[in-house]
Amino acid sequence: MPGVEIDRSTLWKRARQDKHGNIPDPKVAEKAKLIDELQKQVSEGKVSVHGSNDVLTMALGPEHPGRLRAVCAGISPRQYFNLPKPQRVSFDDHLKESLRVLLQEETKKMEAKAREETLRMEARTKQLVEAEREHFLSQLSQLIPNFDPTMLKTRISQSPKSPMSDKASCSGGDVRSLHVEDDTAKMGKHQEDEEKEEEKRDEEK
C-alpha cells in the first residue's frame, strides 16, 4: 500500500513465485523459508536490522559491489540505504508497482502457454480418433466383400413418407375416375347376368 515501507526480502520472494504463490526451485524455496523465519524474528524483536544489514542480506549474504538485490538496476546499495525514509517509502512503492506489472506479464505468458498446450492436445486427440476410424474401416474392408467405407459417413437422410401422404396426395379427379371405373364394372356385370337369364328362358321354351 502507498506510504508503507516494503521489505526487500518480500520483493525478492514475490519475484520468484509462480501465479499460485509457489517457488519451483528447491534451493530458492529454502532461502524463502529462511527469510520467513528471519522476518518473524524481526517482528518479535529477537533480531534487529540496520541499514544494509536487513533480512535479505542476512538470508543471502552480503551484497555484490555496485548491485542491490530486489531493487531496480542502476541503484547502488549506498544510494538505496542512504535515502531518507520518506523517499525510500516512495521508492519502495514504485518497486511494488513494478513487481505487480512483472507478475501480470508472467501470468499472461503462462496463460498463453496453457492455451497452446490445450490446442496441441485437441489436435493430437483428433489425429488419434481419425487413426482409429481408418483402422476400423480397414478391418471392415477385409471382413466384408465389396465394402464401401462411404456407407458409414454421416448423411442427411430425408424423412420417410407417411403411407397416408400418398392417399392424401390423390387429386379429386383421380378419386372420381376410380368411382366411374367401379360403376362401369358393375353395369357390365349386370348386363351379362341379364343376357344369361334370357338365354336360359329361351332354352326352356
N, C-alpha and C. Protein backbone atom coordinates (compact mmCIF):
# COMPACT_ATOMS: atom_id res chain seq x y z
N MET A 1 0.85 -1.20 0.00
CA MET A 1 0.00 0.00 0.00
C MET A 1 0.88 1.24 0.00
N PRO A 2 0.45 2.36 -0.61
CA PRO A 2 1.22 3.59 -0.60
C PRO A 2 1.48 4.04 0.83
N GLY A 3 2.75 4.53 1.08
CA GLY A 3 3.09 5.01 2.41
C GLY A 3 3.59 3.93 3.34
N VAL A 4 3.63 2.68 2.91
CA VAL A 4 4.11 1.58 3.74
C VAL A 4 5.42 1.09 3.18
N GLU A 5 6.46 0.99 4.03
CA GLU A 5 7.78 0.56 3.57
C GLU A 5 7.74 -0.91 3.19
N ILE A 6 8.28 -1.24 2.03
CA ILE A 6 8.29 -2.60 1.52
C ILE A 6 9.66 -3.21 1.78
N ASP A 7 9.69 -4.33 2.46
CA ASP A 7 10.94 -5.01 2.74
C ASP A 7 11.50 -5.65 1.47
N ARG A 8 12.80 -5.52 1.26
CA ARG A 8 13.43 -6.09 0.06
C ARG A 8 13.26 -7.60 -0.01
N SER A 9 13.28 -8.24 1.14
CA SER A 9 13.17 -9.70 1.15
C SER A 9 11.81 -10.16 0.63
N THR A 10 10.77 -9.38 0.93
CA THR A 10 9.43 -9.72 0.42
C THR A 10 9.38 -9.58 -1.10
N LEU A 11 9.96 -8.49 -1.60
CA LEU A 11 10.02 -8.31 -3.05
C LEU A 11 10.82 -9.42 -3.72
N TRP A 12 11.90 -9.82 -3.10
CA TRP A 12 12.76 -10.88 -3.66
C TRP A 12 11.98 -12.19 -3.77
N LYS A 13 11.21 -12.52 -2.74
CA LYS A 13 10.41 -13.76 -2.77
C LYS A 13 9.31 -13.68 -3.83
N ARG A 14 8.59 -12.56 -3.86
CA ARG A 14 7.47 -12.44 -4.79
C ARG A 14 7.93 -12.55 -6.24
N ALA A 15 9.12 -12.04 -6.51
CA ALA A 15 9.64 -12.08 -7.88
C ALA A 15 9.97 -13.50 -8.33
N ARG A 16 10.03 -14.44 -7.40
CA ARG A 16 10.40 -15.82 -7.73
C ARG A 16 9.25 -16.80 -7.54
N GLN A 17 8.08 -16.28 -7.24
CA GLN A 17 6.90 -17.13 -7.07
C GLN A 17 6.13 -17.23 -8.38
N ASP A 18 5.45 -18.38 -8.58
CA ASP A 18 4.57 -18.50 -9.73
C ASP A 18 3.21 -17.91 -9.38
N LYS A 19 2.24 -18.06 -10.29
CA LYS A 19 0.93 -17.43 -10.07
C LYS A 19 0.17 -18.06 -8.90
N HIS A 20 0.60 -19.24 -8.45
CA HIS A 20 -0.04 -19.89 -7.31
C HIS A 20 0.69 -19.58 -6.00
N GLY A 21 1.75 -18.76 -6.05
CA GLY A 21 2.49 -18.42 -4.85
C GLY A 21 3.55 -19.42 -4.47
N ASN A 22 3.84 -20.39 -5.35
CA ASN A 22 4.86 -21.40 -5.08
C ASN A 22 6.19 -21.02 -5.73
N ILE A 23 7.28 -21.49 -5.13
CA ILE A 23 8.61 -21.27 -5.68
C ILE A 23 9.11 -22.60 -6.23
N PRO A 24 9.21 -22.76 -7.55
CA PRO A 24 9.57 -24.05 -8.16
C PRO A 24 10.97 -24.54 -7.80
N ASP A 25 11.94 -23.64 -7.71
CA ASP A 25 13.32 -24.04 -7.44
C ASP A 25 13.48 -24.40 -5.96
N PRO A 26 13.88 -25.65 -5.64
CA PRO A 26 14.02 -26.08 -4.24
C PRO A 26 15.02 -25.24 -3.45
N LYS A 27 16.15 -24.87 -4.08
CA LYS A 27 17.16 -24.09 -3.37
C LYS A 27 16.64 -22.69 -3.04
N VAL A 28 15.93 -22.10 -3.99
CA VAL A 28 15.35 -20.78 -3.75
C VAL A 28 14.26 -20.87 -2.69
N ALA A 29 13.50 -21.98 -2.70
CA ALA A 29 12.44 -22.17 -1.70
C ALA A 29 13.03 -22.25 -0.29
N GLU A 30 14.22 -22.87 -0.15
CA GLU A 30 14.87 -22.94 1.16
C GLU A 30 15.25 -21.55 1.65
N LYS A 31 15.75 -20.71 0.74
CA LYS A 31 16.09 -19.34 1.12
C LYS A 31 14.84 -18.56 1.51
N ALA A 32 13.73 -18.83 0.82
CA ALA A 32 12.48 -18.15 1.14
C ALA A 32 12.00 -18.53 2.55
N LYS A 33 12.18 -19.80 2.92
CA LYS A 33 11.81 -20.23 4.28
C LYS A 33 12.67 -19.52 5.33
N LEU A 34 13.96 -19.37 5.01
CA LEU A 34 14.86 -18.67 5.94
C LEU A 34 14.44 -17.21 6.08
N ILE A 35 14.04 -16.59 4.97
CA ILE A 35 13.56 -15.21 5.02
C ILE A 35 12.31 -15.10 5.90
N ASP A 36 11.38 -16.04 5.76
CA ASP A 36 10.17 -16.03 6.58
C ASP A 36 10.51 -16.12 8.06
N GLU A 37 11.47 -16.97 8.39
CA GLU A 37 11.87 -17.14 9.79
C GLU A 37 12.53 -15.87 10.33
N LEU A 38 13.39 -15.26 9.52
CA LEU A 38 14.05 -14.03 9.95
C LEU A 38 13.05 -12.89 10.11
N GLN A 39 12.09 -12.79 9.19
CA GLN A 39 11.06 -11.76 9.31
C GLN A 39 10.24 -11.94 10.59
N LYS A 40 9.97 -13.19 10.93
CA LYS A 40 9.24 -13.47 12.17
C LYS A 40 10.04 -13.04 13.39
N GLN A 41 11.34 -13.33 13.36
CA GLN A 41 12.20 -12.95 14.49
C GLN A 41 12.32 -11.43 14.61
N VAL A 42 12.36 -10.73 13.47
CA VAL A 42 12.42 -9.27 13.50
C VAL A 42 11.14 -8.70 14.10
N SER A 43 9.98 -9.26 13.70
CA SER A 43 8.70 -8.76 14.22
C SER A 43 8.56 -9.03 15.71
N GLU A 44 9.21 -10.10 16.18
CA GLU A 44 9.16 -10.44 17.61
C GLU A 44 10.24 -9.72 18.42
N GLY A 45 11.11 -8.96 17.74
CA GLY A 45 12.15 -8.23 18.44
C GLY A 45 13.37 -9.06 18.78
N LYS A 46 13.45 -10.28 18.28
CA LYS A 46 14.59 -11.15 18.57
C LYS A 46 15.80 -10.81 17.70
N VAL A 47 15.55 -10.23 16.54
CA VAL A 47 16.61 -9.84 15.62
C VAL A 47 16.37 -8.40 15.19
N SER A 48 17.45 -7.62 15.14
CA SER A 48 17.32 -6.23 14.71
C SER A 48 18.03 -6.03 13.38
N VAL A 49 17.48 -5.15 12.56
CA VAL A 49 18.06 -4.85 11.26
C VAL A 49 18.49 -3.39 11.27
N HIS A 50 19.55 -3.13 10.52
CA HIS A 50 20.04 -1.75 10.46
C HIS A 50 20.73 -1.53 9.13
N GLY A 51 20.25 -0.53 8.37
CA GLY A 51 20.89 -0.19 7.11
C GLY A 51 20.90 -1.36 6.14
N SER A 52 22.10 -1.62 5.61
CA SER A 52 22.24 -2.69 4.62
C SER A 52 22.16 -4.08 5.23
N ASN A 53 22.26 -4.14 6.55
CA ASN A 53 22.15 -5.44 7.22
C ASN A 53 20.67 -5.75 7.51
N ASP A 54 19.92 -5.93 6.43
CA ASP A 54 18.50 -6.22 6.57
C ASP A 54 18.26 -7.72 6.43
N VAL A 55 16.99 -8.11 6.39
CA VAL A 55 16.63 -9.54 6.35
C VAL A 55 17.20 -10.22 5.11
N LEU A 56 17.13 -9.56 3.96
CA LEU A 56 17.60 -10.19 2.73
C LEU A 56 19.11 -10.43 2.78
N THR A 57 19.85 -9.48 3.33
CA THR A 57 21.30 -9.66 3.46
C THR A 57 21.62 -10.80 4.41
N MET A 58 20.86 -10.90 5.50
CA MET A 58 21.07 -12.00 6.45
C MET A 58 20.82 -13.36 5.80
N ALA A 59 19.83 -13.43 4.93
CA ALA A 59 19.46 -14.71 4.33
C ALA A 59 20.37 -15.09 3.16
N LEU A 60 20.78 -14.11 2.36
CA LEU A 60 21.53 -14.40 1.14
C LEU A 60 23.01 -14.05 1.22
N GLY A 61 23.40 -13.32 2.26
CA GLY A 61 24.79 -12.91 2.36
C GLY A 61 24.99 -11.48 1.87
N PRO A 62 26.20 -10.97 2.01
CA PRO A 62 26.49 -9.58 1.63
C PRO A 62 26.19 -9.30 0.16
N GLU A 63 25.85 -8.04 -0.11
CA GLU A 63 25.57 -7.63 -1.48
C GLU A 63 26.86 -7.59 -2.30
N HIS A 64 26.72 -7.81 -3.61
CA HIS A 64 27.85 -7.66 -4.50
C HIS A 64 28.12 -6.17 -4.71
N PRO A 65 29.35 -5.80 -4.92
CA PRO A 65 29.67 -4.37 -5.09
C PRO A 65 28.92 -3.76 -6.28
N GLY A 66 28.30 -2.62 -6.04
CA GLY A 66 27.60 -1.91 -7.10
C GLY A 66 26.24 -2.46 -7.46
N ARG A 67 25.79 -3.51 -6.78
CA ARG A 67 24.49 -4.11 -7.09
C ARG A 67 23.66 -4.20 -5.82
N LEU A 68 22.34 -4.28 -6.03
CA LEU A 68 21.43 -4.42 -4.90
C LEU A 68 20.30 -5.35 -5.28
N ARG A 69 20.14 -6.44 -4.55
CA ARG A 69 19.10 -7.43 -4.86
C ARG A 69 17.71 -6.83 -4.65
N ALA A 70 16.76 -7.29 -5.51
CA ALA A 70 15.34 -6.93 -5.40
C ALA A 70 15.09 -5.44 -5.60
N VAL A 71 16.05 -4.75 -6.22
CA VAL A 71 15.90 -3.32 -6.49
C VAL A 71 16.21 -3.09 -7.96
N CYS A 72 15.60 -2.08 -8.55
CA CYS A 72 15.80 -1.80 -9.97
C CYS A 72 17.28 -1.63 -10.29
N ALA A 73 17.64 -2.03 -11.50
CA ALA A 73 19.03 -1.90 -11.94
C ALA A 73 19.44 -0.43 -11.94
N GLY A 74 20.70 -0.19 -11.62
CA GLY A 74 21.21 1.18 -11.61
C GLY A 74 21.18 1.82 -10.23
N ILE A 75 20.58 1.14 -9.26
CA ILE A 75 20.53 1.65 -7.89
C ILE A 75 21.57 0.91 -7.07
N SER A 76 22.51 1.64 -6.52
CA SER A 76 23.57 1.02 -5.72
C SER A 76 23.12 0.88 -4.28
N PRO A 77 23.77 -0.01 -3.51
CA PRO A 77 23.41 -0.15 -2.09
C PRO A 77 23.50 1.17 -1.34
N ARG A 78 24.55 1.96 -1.62
CA ARG A 78 24.71 3.24 -0.90
C ARG A 78 23.56 4.18 -1.22
N GLN A 79 23.16 4.23 -2.51
CA GLN A 79 22.05 5.12 -2.89
C GLN A 79 20.75 4.70 -2.20
N TYR A 80 20.51 3.40 -2.14
CA TYR A 80 19.25 2.92 -1.58
C TYR A 80 19.20 3.11 -0.07
N PHE A 81 20.24 2.64 0.63
CA PHE A 81 20.18 2.65 2.09
C PHE A 81 20.43 4.04 2.68
N ASN A 82 20.99 4.97 1.90
CA ASN A 82 21.21 6.32 2.40
C ASN A 82 20.06 7.26 2.07
N LEU A 83 19.02 6.73 1.40
CA LEU A 83 17.86 7.56 1.13
C LEU A 83 17.15 7.90 2.44
N PRO A 84 16.64 9.14 2.57
CA PRO A 84 15.78 9.44 3.72
C PRO A 84 14.56 8.52 3.70
N LYS A 85 14.04 8.21 4.85
CA LYS A 85 12.94 7.24 4.94
C LYS A 85 11.74 7.62 4.07
N PRO A 86 11.27 8.87 4.05
CA PRO A 86 10.12 9.20 3.17
C PRO A 86 10.41 8.89 1.70
N GLN A 87 11.65 9.21 1.26
CA GLN A 87 11.99 8.92 -0.13
C GLN A 87 12.06 7.41 -0.38
N ARG A 88 12.56 6.69 0.62
CA ARG A 88 12.65 5.23 0.46
C ARG A 88 11.25 4.62 0.38
N VAL A 89 10.32 5.15 1.16
CA VAL A 89 8.95 4.66 1.10
C VAL A 89 8.38 4.86 -0.30
N SER A 90 8.58 6.06 -0.87
CA SER A 90 8.10 6.32 -2.22
C SER A 90 8.79 5.43 -3.23
N PHE A 91 10.08 5.23 -3.05
CA PHE A 91 10.84 4.37 -3.96
C PHE A 91 10.35 2.93 -3.87
N ASP A 92 10.06 2.45 -2.66
CA ASP A 92 9.57 1.09 -2.48
C ASP A 92 8.18 0.92 -3.08
N ASP A 93 7.36 1.98 -3.02
CA ASP A 93 6.05 1.92 -3.67
C ASP A 93 6.22 1.73 -5.18
N HIS A 94 7.21 2.40 -5.74
CA HIS A 94 7.49 2.24 -7.18
C HIS A 94 7.94 0.82 -7.47
N LEU A 95 8.74 0.24 -6.59
CA LEU A 95 9.17 -1.15 -6.77
C LEU A 95 7.98 -2.10 -6.71
N LYS A 96 7.07 -1.83 -5.80
CA LYS A 96 5.90 -2.69 -5.68
C LYS A 96 5.06 -2.66 -6.95
N GLU A 97 4.89 -1.47 -7.54
CA GLU A 97 4.13 -1.35 -8.78
C GLU A 97 4.85 -2.07 -9.92
N SER A 98 6.18 -1.94 -9.96
CA SER A 98 6.95 -2.64 -10.99
C SER A 98 6.80 -4.15 -10.85
N LEU A 99 6.79 -4.62 -9.62
CA LEU A 99 6.63 -6.05 -9.37
C LEU A 99 5.24 -6.52 -9.80
N ARG A 100 4.22 -5.70 -9.54
CA ARG A 100 2.86 -6.07 -9.94
C ARG A 100 2.77 -6.22 -11.46
N VAL A 101 3.37 -5.28 -12.19
CA VAL A 101 3.37 -5.35 -13.65
C VAL A 101 4.11 -6.60 -14.12
N LEU A 102 5.24 -6.89 -13.47
CA LEU A 102 6.02 -8.07 -13.83
C LEU A 102 5.22 -9.35 -13.63
N LEU A 103 4.50 -9.43 -12.52
CA LEU A 103 3.69 -10.62 -12.24
C LEU A 103 2.56 -10.76 -13.26
N GLN A 104 1.96 -9.64 -13.65
CA GLN A 104 0.90 -9.69 -14.66
C GLN A 104 1.43 -10.22 -15.99
N GLU A 105 2.62 -9.75 -16.38
CA GLU A 105 3.21 -10.21 -17.64
C GLU A 105 3.52 -11.70 -17.59
N GLU A 106 4.07 -12.16 -16.45
CA GLU A 106 4.38 -13.58 -16.31
C GLU A 106 3.10 -14.42 -16.34
N THR A 107 2.04 -13.91 -15.71
CA THR A 107 0.77 -14.63 -15.71
C THR A 107 0.22 -14.76 -17.13
N LYS A 108 0.30 -13.69 -17.91
CA LYS A 108 -0.18 -13.73 -19.30
C LYS A 108 0.62 -14.75 -20.11
N LYS A 109 1.94 -14.79 -19.89
CA LYS A 109 2.77 -15.76 -20.61
C LYS A 109 2.36 -17.19 -20.28
N MET A 110 2.12 -17.45 -18.98
CA MET A 110 1.74 -18.79 -18.56
C MET A 110 0.37 -19.17 -19.11
N GLU A 111 -0.56 -18.22 -19.14
CA GLU A 111 -1.89 -18.50 -19.69
C GLU A 111 -1.82 -18.79 -21.19
N ALA A 112 -0.99 -18.02 -21.91
CA ALA A 112 -0.83 -18.26 -23.35
C ALA A 112 -0.22 -19.63 -23.60
N LYS A 113 0.75 -20.00 -22.77
CA LYS A 113 1.38 -21.31 -22.91
C LYS A 113 0.37 -22.43 -22.64
N ALA A 114 -0.50 -22.22 -21.65
CA ALA A 114 -1.52 -23.22 -21.33
C ALA A 114 -2.51 -23.37 -22.49
N ARG A 115 -2.89 -22.24 -23.12
CA ARG A 115 -3.80 -22.32 -24.27
C ARG A 115 -3.17 -23.07 -25.43
N GLU A 116 -1.89 -22.82 -25.68
CA GLU A 116 -1.19 -23.52 -26.76
C GLU A 116 -1.15 -25.02 -26.48
N GLU A 117 -0.90 -25.37 -25.23
CA GLU A 117 -0.85 -26.79 -24.86
C GLU A 117 -2.21 -27.44 -25.05
N THR A 118 -3.28 -26.72 -24.70
CA THR A 118 -4.63 -27.25 -24.89
C THR A 118 -4.93 -27.50 -26.36
N LEU A 119 -4.54 -26.56 -27.22
CA LEU A 119 -4.76 -26.72 -28.66
C LEU A 119 -3.98 -27.90 -29.21
N ARG A 120 -2.75 -28.09 -28.73
CA ARG A 120 -1.96 -29.23 -29.18
C ARG A 120 -2.60 -30.54 -28.77
N MET A 121 -3.13 -30.59 -27.55
CA MET A 121 -3.79 -31.80 -27.07
C MET A 121 -5.04 -32.10 -27.88
N GLU A 122 -5.82 -31.06 -28.21
CA GLU A 122 -7.03 -31.26 -29.02
C GLU A 122 -6.68 -31.78 -30.41
N ALA A 123 -5.61 -31.22 -31.01
CA ALA A 123 -5.20 -31.69 -32.33
C ALA A 123 -4.72 -33.13 -32.28
N ARG A 124 -3.98 -33.47 -31.22
CA ARG A 124 -3.50 -34.84 -31.06
C ARG A 124 -4.66 -35.81 -30.88
N THR A 125 -5.65 -35.42 -30.09
CA THR A 125 -6.82 -36.27 -29.88
C THR A 125 -7.57 -36.50 -31.19
N LYS A 126 -7.70 -35.45 -32.00
CA LYS A 126 -8.37 -35.57 -33.30
C LYS A 126 -7.62 -36.54 -34.21
N GLN A 127 -6.29 -36.47 -34.18
CA GLN A 127 -5.48 -37.38 -35.00
C GLN A 127 -5.68 -38.83 -34.56
N LEU A 128 -5.71 -39.05 -33.25
CA LEU A 128 -5.89 -40.41 -32.74
C LEU A 128 -7.26 -40.97 -33.12
N VAL A 129 -8.29 -40.14 -33.02
CA VAL A 129 -9.64 -40.58 -33.38
C VAL A 129 -9.70 -40.94 -34.87
N GLU A 130 -9.08 -40.12 -35.71
CA GLU A 130 -9.09 -40.37 -37.14
C GLU A 130 -8.32 -41.66 -37.47
N ALA A 131 -7.21 -41.88 -36.76
CA ALA A 131 -6.43 -43.10 -36.99
C ALA A 131 -7.23 -44.34 -36.59
N GLU A 132 -7.94 -44.27 -35.47
CA GLU A 132 -8.78 -45.39 -35.03
C GLU A 132 -9.89 -45.66 -36.05
N ARG A 133 -10.46 -44.60 -36.59
CA ARG A 133 -11.54 -44.75 -37.57
C ARG A 133 -11.01 -45.44 -38.84
N GLU A 134 -9.85 -45.01 -39.31
CA GLU A 134 -9.28 -45.61 -40.51
C GLU A 134 -8.95 -47.08 -40.28
N HIS A 135 -8.46 -47.40 -39.08
CA HIS A 135 -8.14 -48.79 -38.75
C HIS A 135 -9.42 -49.64 -38.73
N PHE A 136 -10.48 -49.08 -38.17
CA PHE A 136 -11.76 -49.79 -38.11
C PHE A 136 -12.31 -50.05 -39.52
N LEU A 137 -12.23 -49.04 -40.38
CA LEU A 137 -12.71 -49.20 -41.76
C LEU A 137 -11.88 -50.23 -42.52
N SER A 138 -10.58 -50.25 -42.23
CA SER A 138 -9.71 -51.22 -42.89
C SER A 138 -10.09 -52.65 -42.49
N GLN A 139 -10.41 -52.84 -41.21
CA GLN A 139 -10.83 -54.17 -40.75
C GLN A 139 -12.15 -54.58 -41.40
N LEU A 140 -13.08 -53.65 -41.51
CA LEU A 140 -14.36 -53.97 -42.14
C LEU A 140 -14.17 -54.33 -43.62
N SER A 141 -13.26 -53.63 -44.28
CA SER A 141 -13.00 -53.92 -45.69
C SER A 141 -12.47 -55.33 -45.89
N GLN A 142 -11.73 -55.83 -44.91
CA GLN A 142 -11.20 -57.19 -45.00
C GLN A 142 -12.26 -58.24 -44.70
N LEU A 143 -13.21 -57.88 -43.83
CA LEU A 143 -14.23 -58.85 -43.41
C LEU A 143 -15.43 -58.88 -44.35
N ILE A 144 -15.76 -57.75 -44.94
CA ILE A 144 -16.97 -57.65 -45.76
C ILE A 144 -16.58 -57.45 -47.23
N PRO A 145 -16.97 -58.37 -48.12
CA PRO A 145 -16.67 -58.20 -49.55
C PRO A 145 -17.37 -56.95 -50.11
N ASN A 146 -16.67 -56.27 -50.99
CA ASN A 146 -17.22 -55.08 -51.66
C ASN A 146 -17.72 -54.02 -50.68
N PHE A 147 -17.04 -53.93 -49.54
CA PHE A 147 -17.44 -52.95 -48.53
C PHE A 147 -17.10 -51.53 -49.00
N ASP A 148 -18.07 -50.65 -48.88
CA ASP A 148 -17.88 -49.26 -49.27
C ASP A 148 -17.78 -48.40 -48.01
N PRO A 149 -16.60 -47.84 -47.70
CA PRO A 149 -16.44 -47.04 -46.48
C PRO A 149 -17.35 -45.83 -46.42
N THR A 150 -17.79 -45.35 -47.58
CA THR A 150 -18.64 -44.15 -47.57
C THR A 150 -20.01 -44.42 -46.96
N MET A 151 -20.34 -45.71 -46.79
CA MET A 151 -21.64 -46.04 -46.17
C MET A 151 -21.71 -45.54 -44.74
N LEU A 152 -20.55 -45.43 -44.07
CA LEU A 152 -20.54 -45.03 -42.67
C LEU A 152 -20.44 -43.53 -42.48
N LYS A 153 -20.30 -42.80 -43.58
CA LYS A 153 -20.24 -41.36 -43.46
C LYS A 153 -21.61 -40.80 -43.12
N THR A 154 -21.58 -39.74 -42.39
CA THR A 154 -22.83 -39.12 -41.96
C THR A 154 -23.56 -38.51 -43.15
N ARG A 155 -24.80 -38.86 -43.29
CA ARG A 155 -25.62 -38.32 -44.37
C ARG A 155 -26.88 -37.70 -43.79
N ILE A 156 -27.36 -36.72 -44.50
CA ILE A 156 -28.63 -36.11 -44.10
C ILE A 156 -29.74 -36.86 -44.81
N SER A 157 -30.40 -37.69 -44.08
CA SER A 157 -31.44 -38.53 -44.69
C SER A 157 -32.77 -37.78 -44.72
N GLN A 158 -33.54 -38.07 -45.77
CA GLN A 158 -34.86 -37.46 -45.87
C GLN A 158 -35.83 -38.21 -44.97
N SER A 159 -36.76 -37.48 -44.42
CA SER A 159 -37.73 -38.13 -43.55
C SER A 159 -38.60 -39.06 -44.37
N PRO A 160 -38.92 -40.27 -43.86
CA PRO A 160 -39.74 -41.23 -44.62
C PRO A 160 -41.14 -40.71 -44.85
N LYS A 161 -41.69 -41.08 -46.01
CA LYS A 161 -43.05 -40.66 -46.31
C LYS A 161 -44.06 -41.43 -45.47
N SER A 162 -45.09 -40.74 -45.08
CA SER A 162 -46.17 -41.41 -44.37
C SER A 162 -47.06 -42.12 -45.38
N PRO A 163 -47.51 -43.34 -45.07
CA PRO A 163 -48.41 -44.04 -46.00
C PRO A 163 -49.64 -43.22 -46.35
N MET A 164 -50.08 -42.39 -45.40
CA MET A 164 -51.26 -41.59 -45.65
C MET A 164 -50.98 -40.46 -46.63
N SER A 165 -49.67 -40.10 -46.75
CA SER A 165 -49.36 -38.97 -47.62
C SER A 165 -49.69 -39.28 -49.07
N ASP A 166 -49.47 -40.56 -49.50
CA ASP A 166 -49.79 -40.93 -50.87
C ASP A 166 -51.29 -40.81 -51.14
N LYS A 167 -52.06 -41.23 -50.12
CA LYS A 167 -53.50 -41.15 -50.28
C LYS A 167 -53.96 -39.69 -50.31
N ALA A 168 -53.33 -38.92 -49.43
CA ALA A 168 -53.74 -37.52 -49.36
C ALA A 168 -53.34 -36.76 -50.60
N SER A 169 -52.31 -37.26 -51.31
CA SER A 169 -51.84 -36.54 -52.49
C SER A 169 -52.71 -36.78 -53.72
N CYS A 170 -53.62 -37.73 -53.65
CA CYS A 170 -54.50 -38.01 -54.79
C CYS A 170 -55.40 -36.80 -55.04
N SER A 171 -55.53 -36.43 -56.29
CA SER A 171 -56.39 -35.29 -56.62
C SER A 171 -57.85 -35.73 -56.65
N GLY A 172 -58.74 -34.74 -56.68
CA GLY A 172 -60.17 -35.06 -56.74
C GLY A 172 -60.53 -35.79 -58.01
N GLY A 173 -59.84 -35.44 -59.15
CA GLY A 173 -60.12 -36.10 -60.42
C GLY A 173 -59.77 -37.57 -60.37
N ASP A 174 -58.66 -37.90 -59.69
CA ASP A 174 -58.27 -39.31 -59.56
C ASP A 174 -59.32 -40.09 -58.79
N VAL A 175 -59.84 -39.47 -57.73
CA VAL A 175 -60.85 -40.16 -56.93
C VAL A 175 -62.11 -40.40 -57.75
N ARG A 176 -62.51 -39.37 -58.52
CA ARG A 176 -63.72 -39.52 -59.33
C ARG A 176 -63.55 -40.59 -60.40
N SER A 177 -62.38 -40.68 -60.99
CA SER A 177 -62.16 -41.68 -62.04
C SER A 177 -62.24 -43.08 -61.46
N LEU A 178 -61.82 -43.22 -60.20
CA LEU A 178 -61.92 -44.53 -59.56
C LEU A 178 -63.38 -44.93 -59.39
N HIS A 179 -64.22 -43.97 -59.01
CA HIS A 179 -65.65 -44.26 -58.84
C HIS A 179 -66.29 -44.60 -60.18
N VAL A 180 -65.96 -43.91 -61.27
CA VAL A 180 -66.55 -44.18 -62.59
C VAL A 180 -66.19 -45.58 -63.06
N GLU A 181 -64.91 -45.94 -62.88
CA GLU A 181 -64.49 -47.29 -63.29
C GLU A 181 -65.24 -48.36 -62.52
N ASP A 182 -65.48 -48.11 -61.24
CA ASP A 182 -66.18 -49.09 -60.42
C ASP A 182 -67.64 -49.23 -60.88
N ASP A 183 -68.29 -48.09 -61.20
CA ASP A 183 -69.68 -48.14 -61.67
C ASP A 183 -69.79 -48.85 -63.02
N THR A 184 -68.84 -48.60 -63.91
CA THR A 184 -68.85 -49.25 -65.24
C THR A 184 -68.74 -50.76 -65.10
N ALA A 185 -67.88 -51.19 -64.19
CA ALA A 185 -67.70 -52.63 -63.98
C ALA A 185 -69.00 -53.26 -63.47
N LYS A 186 -69.69 -52.54 -62.59
CA LYS A 186 -70.94 -53.08 -62.05
C LYS A 186 -72.01 -53.18 -63.15
N MET A 187 -72.09 -52.16 -64.00
CA MET A 187 -73.09 -52.17 -65.07
C MET A 187 -72.81 -53.30 -66.06
N GLY A 188 -71.54 -53.53 -66.38
CA GLY A 188 -71.20 -54.63 -67.30
C GLY A 188 -71.60 -55.97 -66.75
N LYS A 189 -71.38 -56.18 -65.48
CA LYS A 189 -71.73 -57.46 -64.85
C LYS A 189 -73.25 -57.64 -64.83
N HIS A 190 -73.99 -56.54 -64.59
CA HIS A 190 -75.45 -56.63 -64.55
C HIS A 190 -76.00 -56.99 -65.93
N GLN A 191 -75.43 -56.38 -66.97
CA GLN A 191 -75.88 -56.69 -68.33
C GLN A 191 -75.59 -58.13 -68.70
N GLU A 192 -74.45 -58.62 -68.27
CA GLU A 192 -74.07 -60.02 -68.55
C GLU A 192 -75.04 -60.98 -67.86
N ASP A 193 -75.44 -60.65 -66.67
CA ASP A 193 -76.38 -61.52 -65.94
C ASP A 193 -77.74 -61.55 -66.65
N GLU A 194 -78.18 -60.40 -67.17
CA GLU A 194 -79.47 -60.35 -67.86
C GLU A 194 -79.45 -61.20 -69.14
N GLU A 195 -78.32 -61.16 -69.87
CA GLU A 195 -78.20 -61.96 -71.09
C GLU A 195 -78.25 -63.45 -70.78
N LYS A 196 -77.60 -63.85 -69.72
CA LYS A 196 -77.63 -65.26 -69.33
C LYS A 196 -79.05 -65.68 -68.93
N GLU A 197 -79.74 -64.81 -68.26
CA GLU A 197 -81.11 -65.12 -67.84
C GLU A 197 -82.03 -65.28 -69.06
N GLU A 198 -81.84 -64.43 -70.07
CA GLU A 198 -82.65 -64.51 -71.28
C GLU A 198 -82.37 -65.79 -72.05
N GLU A 199 -81.11 -66.20 -72.15
CA GLU A 199 -80.75 -67.46 -72.82
C GLU A 199 -81.38 -68.65 -72.11
N LYS A 200 -81.41 -68.58 -70.82
CA LYS A 200 -81.99 -69.67 -70.04
C LYS A 200 -83.49 -69.81 -70.32
N ARG A 201 -84.20 -68.68 -70.47
CA ARG A 201 -85.64 -68.72 -70.74
C ARG A 201 -85.89 -69.29 -72.15
N ASP A 202 -85.04 -68.93 -73.12
CA ASP A 202 -85.20 -69.44 -74.48
C ASP A 202 -85.03 -70.96 -74.51
N GLU A 203 -84.12 -71.50 -73.76
CA GLU A 203 -83.90 -72.95 -73.73
C GLU A 203 -85.11 -73.66 -73.12
N GLU A 204 -85.73 -73.07 -72.17
CA GLU A 204 -86.88 -73.71 -71.53
C GLU A 204 -88.08 -73.76 -72.49
N LYS A 205 -88.18 -72.84 -73.41
CA LYS A 205 -89.28 -72.86 -74.38
C LYS A 205 -89.08 -73.99 -75.37
